[in-house]
Protein backbone atom coordinates (compact mmCIF):
# COMPACT_ATOMS: atom_id res chain seq x y z
CA MET A 1 -0.08 0.04 0.10
CA PRO A 2 1.25 3.46 -0.92
CA SER A 3 2.93 5.62 1.51
CA HIS A 4 1.07 8.87 2.31
CA SER A 5 4.06 10.85 1.00
CA THR A 6 3.86 8.84 -2.48
CA VAL A 7 0.22 9.60 -2.53
CA ALA A 8 0.84 13.34 -1.76
CA LYS A 9 3.72 13.25 -4.37
CA GLN A 10 1.16 11.74 -7.33
CA VAL A 11 -1.50 13.90 -6.46
CA LEU A 12 0.75 17.02 -6.78
CA ARG A 13 2.31 15.78 -10.05
CA THR A 14 -1.31 15.22 -11.25
CA ALA A 15 -2.32 18.73 -10.55
CA ARG A 16 1.01 20.19 -12.02
CA LYS A 17 0.12 18.31 -15.27
CA THR A 18 -3.72 19.53 -14.92
CA THR A 19 -2.61 23.11 -14.72
CA ARG A 20 -0.04 23.01 -17.46
CA ARG A 21 -3.07 21.53 -19.73
CA GLN A 22 -5.15 24.41 -18.70
CA ASP A 23 -2.30 26.94 -19.09
CA TYR A 24 -1.67 25.42 -22.66
CA SER A 25 -5.50 25.48 -23.44
CA SER A 26 -6.09 29.22 -22.17
CA SER A 27 -2.97 30.33 -24.20
CA THR A 28 -4.24 28.22 -27.44
CA LYS A 29 -7.55 30.07 -26.81
CA ARG A 30 -6.13 33.46 -26.80
CA ALA A 31 -4.05 32.90 -29.83
CA LEU A 32 -6.87 31.66 -31.43
CA ILE A 33 -8.94 34.82 -30.79
CA GLU A 34 -6.06 37.39 -31.36
CA SER A 35 -5.33 36.06 -34.75
CA ALA A 36 -9.15 35.92 -35.46
CA THR A 37 -9.73 39.47 -34.24
CA GLU A 38 -6.71 40.68 -36.52
CA LEU A 39 -8.18 38.59 -39.76
CA PHE A 40 -11.60 39.54 -39.13
CA THR A 41 -10.72 43.18 -38.90
CA GLU A 42 -9.04 43.03 -42.00
CA ARG A 43 -10.72 41.01 -44.42
CA GLY A 44 -14.36 40.40 -42.65
CA TYR A 45 -16.06 37.33 -41.63
CA ALA A 46 -16.92 35.92 -45.19
CA GLY A 47 -13.31 36.82 -46.28
CA THR A 48 -11.42 35.01 -43.47
CA SER A 49 -11.16 31.24 -43.31
CA LEU A 50 -10.42 28.74 -40.50
CA ASP A 51 -7.03 27.69 -42.30
CA GLU A 52 -5.70 31.16 -42.34
CA VAL A 53 -6.61 31.46 -38.42
CA VAL A 54 -4.94 28.50 -37.34
CA ALA A 55 -1.86 29.33 -39.56
CA ALA A 56 -1.90 32.82 -37.63
CA ALA A 57 -2.04 31.32 -34.49
CA ARG A 58 0.36 28.76 -35.04
CA VAL A 59 -1.99 26.04 -33.81
CA THR A 60 -3.80 22.79 -35.55
CA LYS A 61 -7.13 22.80 -36.74
CA GLY A 62 -8.15 20.02 -33.95
CA ALA A 63 -7.07 22.94 -31.51
CA LEU A 64 -9.24 25.18 -32.88
CA TYR A 65 -12.39 22.95 -33.02
CA HIS A 66 -11.52 21.86 -29.15
CA HIS A 67 -12.44 25.23 -28.41
CA PHE A 68 -14.93 26.41 -31.09
CA PRO A 69 -17.24 24.36 -32.97
CA SER A 70 -17.52 26.42 -35.93
CA LYS A 71 -16.20 29.49 -37.42
CA LEU A 72 -19.60 31.17 -36.52
CA ALA A 73 -18.87 30.66 -32.89
CA LEU A 74 -15.18 31.81 -33.11
CA PHE A 75 -16.56 35.00 -34.43
CA GLU A 76 -18.86 35.46 -31.87
CA SER A 77 -16.27 34.99 -29.10
CA VAL A 78 -14.37 37.71 -31.05
CA PHE A 79 -17.37 40.02 -31.34
CA LEU A 80 -18.01 39.40 -27.56
CA GLN A 81 -14.23 40.11 -26.46
CA VAL A 82 -14.11 43.29 -28.78
CA GLN A 83 -17.29 44.36 -26.77
CA LYS A 84 -16.11 43.62 -23.61
CA ASP A 85 -12.77 45.44 -24.10
CA ALA A 86 -14.73 48.60 -25.01
CA THR A 87 -17.04 48.20 -22.26
CA ASP A 88 -14.26 47.61 -19.76
CA GLU A 89 -12.36 50.63 -21.13
CA ILE A 90 -15.51 53.20 -20.88
CA SER A 91 -16.36 51.79 -17.44
CA SER A 92 -12.91 52.14 -16.22
CA ILE A 93 -12.73 55.81 -17.36
CA LEU A 94 -16.38 56.84 -16.03
CA ALA A 95 -15.77 55.34 -12.53
CA LYS A 96 -13.09 58.16 -11.73
CA ILE A 97 -15.79 61.03 -12.78
CA LYS A 98 -18.18 62.42 -10.37
CA ASP A 99 -19.85 65.14 -12.29
CA PRO A 100 -23.32 63.32 -13.97
CA TRP A 101 -22.70 66.03 -16.99
CA GLU A 102 -18.72 65.40 -17.41
CA ARG A 103 -19.63 61.65 -17.11
CA ALA A 104 -22.22 61.84 -19.60
CA GLU A 105 -19.87 64.11 -22.08
CA VAL A 106 -16.66 61.64 -21.53
CA GLY A 107 -18.36 58.68 -22.02
CA LEU A 108 -20.07 59.73 -25.43
CA SER A 109 -16.81 60.86 -26.50
CA THR A 110 -14.96 57.92 -25.51
CA PHE A 111 -17.39 55.48 -27.33
CA LEU A 112 -17.51 57.15 -30.26
CA GLU A 113 -13.52 56.93 -30.28
CA VAL A 114 -13.70 53.45 -29.65
CA CYS A 115 -16.39 53.17 -32.39
CA ARG A 116 -13.76 54.66 -35.22
CA ARG A 117 -11.14 52.20 -34.35
CA PRO A 118 -10.88 49.52 -37.11
CA GLU A 119 -11.46 46.46 -35.04
CA PHE A 120 -14.47 47.69 -33.50
CA ARG A 121 -16.11 49.43 -36.61
CA ARG A 122 -15.31 46.02 -38.49
CA ILE A 123 -16.27 43.38 -36.12
CA CYS A 124 -19.03 45.12 -33.82
CA MET A 125 -20.81 47.40 -35.92
CA GLN A 126 -20.18 46.15 -39.48
CA GLU A 127 -19.82 42.26 -39.21
CA GLY A 128 -21.69 41.74 -36.64
CA PRO A 129 -25.27 42.32 -37.88
CA VAL A 130 -24.38 40.18 -40.97
CA ALA A 131 -22.66 37.24 -39.13
CA LEU A 132 -24.80 36.84 -36.08
CA GLY A 133 -27.86 37.82 -37.52
CA HIS A 134 -29.81 41.59 -36.12
CA GLU A 135 -31.42 39.68 -33.07
CA ARG A 136 -28.58 38.24 -31.75
CA TRP A 137 -26.43 41.31 -32.21
CA GLN A 138 -28.82 43.50 -30.82
CA GLU A 139 -29.18 40.94 -27.79
CA ALA A 140 -25.04 41.00 -27.64
CA GLU A 141 -24.76 45.20 -27.67
CA ARG A 142 -27.26 45.42 -25.16
CA GLU A 143 -25.80 42.79 -22.48
CA ALA A 144 -22.51 44.77 -23.19
CA SER A 145 -23.40 48.22 -23.02
CA PHE A 146 -27.10 48.90 -21.42
CA GLY A 147 -25.90 49.01 -18.00
CA ILE A 148 -23.50 51.97 -18.40
CA VAL A 149 -26.18 54.02 -20.45
CA ARG A 150 -28.82 53.46 -17.66
CA GLU A 151 -26.28 54.20 -15.01
CA THR A 152 -25.14 57.46 -16.58
CA VAL A 153 -28.78 58.47 -17.55
CA GLY A 154 -30.03 57.60 -13.86
CA ARG A 155 -27.26 60.07 -12.43
CA LEU A 156 -28.53 62.74 -14.98
CA LEU A 157 -31.87 62.60 -13.91
CA GLU A 158 -30.94 62.94 -10.25
CA ALA A 159 -28.94 65.61 -11.13
CA VAL A 160 -31.91 67.26 -12.86
CA GLY A 161 -34.32 66.39 -9.87
CA ASP A 162 -36.38 63.95 -8.27
CA ASP A 163 -39.84 64.21 -10.87
CA LEU A 164 -37.55 62.73 -13.63
CA ALA A 165 -36.21 59.56 -11.62
CA PRO A 166 -39.11 57.67 -12.49
CA LEU A 167 -38.80 58.13 -15.84
CA THR A 168 -34.93 56.54 -15.79
CA ASP A 169 -36.14 53.29 -17.61
CA SER A 170 -37.62 55.23 -20.44
CA PHE A 171 -34.73 57.91 -20.87
CA SER A 172 -32.16 55.16 -20.84
CA VAL A 173 -34.26 53.04 -23.89
CA ILE A 174 -33.86 56.14 -25.59
CA PHE A 175 -30.71 57.30 -25.13
CA TYR A 176 -29.66 53.85 -25.50
CA GLY A 177 -31.16 54.01 -29.34
CA ALA A 178 -29.57 57.05 -29.84
CA MET A 179 -26.21 56.08 -28.90
CA ARG A 180 -26.59 52.37 -30.98
CA SER A 181 -28.12 54.97 -34.22
CA SER A 182 -24.94 57.18 -33.68
CA ALA A 183 -22.58 53.99 -33.45
CA GLU A 184 -23.90 52.96 -37.09
CA TYR A 185 -23.65 56.82 -38.38
CA VAL A 186 -20.42 56.96 -37.47
CA ALA A 187 -19.16 53.11 -38.48
CA ASP A 188 -20.82 53.69 -42.00
CA ALA A 189 -19.43 57.66 -42.42
CA ASP A 190 -17.09 57.89 -45.05
CA ASP A 191 -15.35 60.33 -42.64
CA PRO A 192 -15.93 59.19 -39.34
CA ASP A 193 -14.28 61.78 -37.48
CA GLU A 194 -16.85 64.29 -39.09
CA ALA A 195 -19.42 62.13 -38.40
CA SER A 196 -18.57 61.91 -34.57
CA ASP A 197 -17.90 65.75 -34.09
CA GLU A 198 -21.41 66.09 -35.58
CA VAL A 199 -22.82 63.40 -33.19
CA LEU A 200 -21.07 65.04 -30.10
CA ALA A 201 -22.56 68.55 -31.08
CA THR A 202 -26.25 66.96 -31.56
CA ILE A 203 -26.38 64.74 -28.04
CA GLY A 204 -24.34 67.95 -26.38
CA THR A 205 -27.54 70.30 -27.52
CA ILE A 206 -29.50 67.46 -25.92
CA LEU A 207 -27.57 67.36 -22.72
CA LEU A 208 -27.47 71.33 -22.92
CA GLY A 209 -31.42 71.03 -22.87
CA MET A 210 -31.30 68.75 -19.92
CA ARG A 211 -29.10 70.49 -17.69
CA SER A 212 -31.22 73.75 -18.58
CA LEU A 213 -33.92 72.12 -16.49
CA ARG A 214 -31.84 72.20 -13.14
CA VAL A 215 -31.11 75.90 -13.82
CA ASP A 216 -35.28 76.63 -14.13
CA GLN A 217 -35.87 74.65 -10.93
CA ASP A 218 -33.21 76.44 -9.11
CA THR A 219 -34.25 80.07 -10.23
């Protein structure tokens, strides 16, 4: 019968092997997503083959299918990662801002900056609706960004006055729709920078009007 020390060593060796396999699996998946992100950005969903992805990631086709059962599953993972990165970046910036009006302005400008980046513009705005289908694309976008919009709108309405607080949900839906439309407008524009400036001026006017409500109540 093996001694306690022998059993402990066997358990430790097994744990180390499991950890190494997990690390390798994680690094392989990460390499696939990074390579696919570059290729989908450059060539789009239809123009990218899985052979190109595995070649760029320097892994086997079997390794790809271990993580992703199809090209669509791989694209969806890439789409969700790009969305998550954008949401995390915006959330991190907004977490440092207390003033609700500054928070809204900075959040909008940061979001529009993200929309102009090639990978977000191509993968999330242009290829996403086509590859995933409009319904799944809308669902994924809402899961990623609606929470930020609702929190920002809630703080704005609190700043304006208690009377508008019950309207937080409806205001949030309207602003979320405006943000999505703005993102599409910027992504599809021949000059995204000019389109972004137009959106900033338009929504800035709306925010200015909301802020004047607070002034009117105070006077």
